Amino acid sequence: MKRTNEEKRLLRRMAAGEFDGAVGDDFVTGSYKKVYHWKLIKDGIPFFIREGESTRFFNGKENESIPGKRVERKFETEDQKLEFLQKFGWLMNDADAKDYSAKFKPKR
């Protein structure tokens, strides 16, 4: 697939680690069982992580905690990285990423 100069530049910057860190705010869904969601870029690879609420119980001697189920979605290929920037670039503190993401927002 042919990439635009803008896409090539964004992919180079992502690979160089310029966008590493949290993307947007964490958020929680669910009222009975909470599910935590967050997005981050680590070593130039974007992740979307969802983790269920941990549970605790008393085993007769001490409290035990069982971590919630964790699901990670890695965006490893260039197409997936561009998909991540299209969906979540508007949450980043970078003008180029915000401009690129704005091109893919639905018109109202």
Protein backbone atom coordinates (compact mmCIF):
# COMPACT_ATOMS: atom_id res chain seq x y z
CA MET A 1 0.00 0.00 0.00
CA LYS A 2 1.27 3.43 -0.91
CA ARG A 3 1.85 5.68 2.10
CA THR A 4 1.58 9.45 2.10
CA ASN A 5 4.52 11.54 3.31
CA GLU A 6 2.48 12.40 6.42
CA GLU A 7 1.95 8.69 7.22
CA LYS A 8 5.63 7.89 6.65
CA ARG A 9 6.66 10.73 8.96
CA LEU A 10 4.22 9.64 11.69
CA LEU A 11 5.41 6.02 11.46
CA ARG A 12 9.07 7.12 11.68
CA ARG A 13 8.32 9.26 14.72
CA MET A 14 6.41 6.42 16.37
CA ALA A 15 9.28 3.98 15.74
CA ALA A 16 11.73 6.51 17.21
CA GLY A 17 9.68 6.55 20.44
CA GLU A 18 8.49 10.14 20.19
CA PHE A 19 4.90 9.12 21.01
CA ASP A 20 5.75 6.69 23.85
CA GLY A 21 3.58 7.02 26.96
CA ALA A 22 -0.09 7.10 27.89
CA VAL A 23 -2.63 8.09 25.27
CA GLY A 24 -5.70 9.87 26.60
CA ASP A 25 -7.27 9.14 29.96
CA ASP A 26 -8.01 5.78 31.51
CA PHE A 27 -11.68 4.96 31.81
CA VAL A 28 -13.87 2.45 33.63
CA THR A 29 -17.02 0.72 32.38
CA GLY A 30 -19.53 -1.46 34.17
CA SER A 31 -21.53 -0.91 37.32
CA TYR A 32 -21.43 -4.36 38.93
CA LYS A 33 -18.04 -5.59 37.71
CA LYS A 34 -15.74 -2.79 36.72
CA VAL A 35 -13.60 -3.06 33.58
CA TYR A 36 -10.60 -0.76 33.24
CA HIS A 37 -9.47 0.47 29.80
CA TRP A 38 -6.35 2.33 28.80
CA LYS A 39 -4.16 3.03 25.78
CA LEU A 40 -0.40 3.45 25.64
CA ILE A 41 2.55 3.40 23.29
CA LYS A 42 5.65 1.55 24.47
CA ASP A 43 8.84 1.24 22.38
CA GLY A 44 6.95 2.50 19.34
CA ILE A 45 4.18 -0.14 19.63
CA PRO A 46 0.65 0.99 20.54
CA PHE A 47 -1.43 -1.10 22.96
CA PHE A 48 -5.09 -1.06 23.96
CA ILE A 49 -5.50 -2.80 27.31
CA ARG A 50 -8.68 -3.94 29.05
CA GLU A 51 -8.57 -5.48 32.53
CA GLY A 52 -11.40 -6.80 34.65
CA GLU A 53 -11.81 -5.96 38.30
CA SER A 54 -9.82 -8.10 40.72
CA THR A 55 -11.68 -10.15 43.31
CA ARG A 56 -10.80 -10.79 46.95
CA PHE A 57 -11.76 -13.52 49.34
CA PHE A 58 -10.73 -14.87 52.74
CA ASN A 59 -9.18 -18.34 52.51
CA GLY A 60 -9.42 -19.10 56.22
CA LYS A 61 -6.02 -17.62 57.08
CA GLU A 62 -5.62 -14.44 55.01
CA ASN A 63 -7.20 -12.33 52.32
CA GLU A 64 -6.32 -13.43 48.81
CA SER A 65 -6.63 -11.34 45.69
CA ILE A 66 -7.23 -12.75 42.21
CA PRO A 67 -6.40 -10.33 39.41
CA GLY A 68 -9.05 -9.69 36.77
CA LYS A 69 -8.76 -11.00 33.23
CA ARG A 70 -6.42 -8.85 31.14
CA VAL A 71 -6.72 -8.49 27.37
CA GLU A 72 -4.08 -6.62 25.37
CA ARG A 73 -4.41 -5.64 21.76
CA LYS A 74 -1.07 -4.87 20.13
CA PHE A 75 -0.85 -2.75 17.00
CA GLU A 76 2.33 -4.15 15.45
CA THR A 77 2.10 -3.71 11.68
CA GLU A 78 2.30 -0.34 9.96
CA ASP A 79 -1.37 -0.60 8.93
CA GLN A 80 -2.37 -1.30 12.53
CA LYS A 81 -0.26 1.60 13.82
CA LEU A 82 -1.93 3.94 11.36
CA GLU A 83 -5.32 2.56 12.43
CA PHE A 84 -4.40 3.39 16.04
CA LEU A 85 -3.40 6.94 15.05
CA GLN A 86 -6.63 7.36 13.10
CA LYS A 87 -8.76 6.29 16.07
CA PHE A 88 -6.82 7.72 19.01
CA GLY A 89 -4.44 10.33 17.57
CA TRP A 90 -6.81 13.12 18.60
CA LEU A 91 -6.08 12.17 22.25
CA MET A 92 -2.32 12.67 21.89
CA ASN A 93 -0.40 15.84 22.75
CA ASP A 94 0.99 16.18 19.23
CA ALA A 95 -0.32 18.47 16.51
CA ASP A 96 0.61 16.11 13.64
CA ALA A 97 -1.15 13.14 15.25
CA LYS A 98 -4.25 15.25 15.99
CA ASP A 99 -4.39 16.57 12.42
CA TYR A 100 -4.02 13.05 10.97
CA SER A 101 -6.75 11.68 13.25
CA ALA A 102 -9.10 14.56 12.40
CA LYS A 103 -9.12 13.47 8.76
CA PHE A 104 -10.85 10.22 9.77
CA LYS A 105 -13.45 11.56 12.19
CA PRO A 106 -17.00 11.14 10.94
CA LYS A 107 -18.62 14.33 9.70
CA ARG A 108 -21.71 15.45 11.62
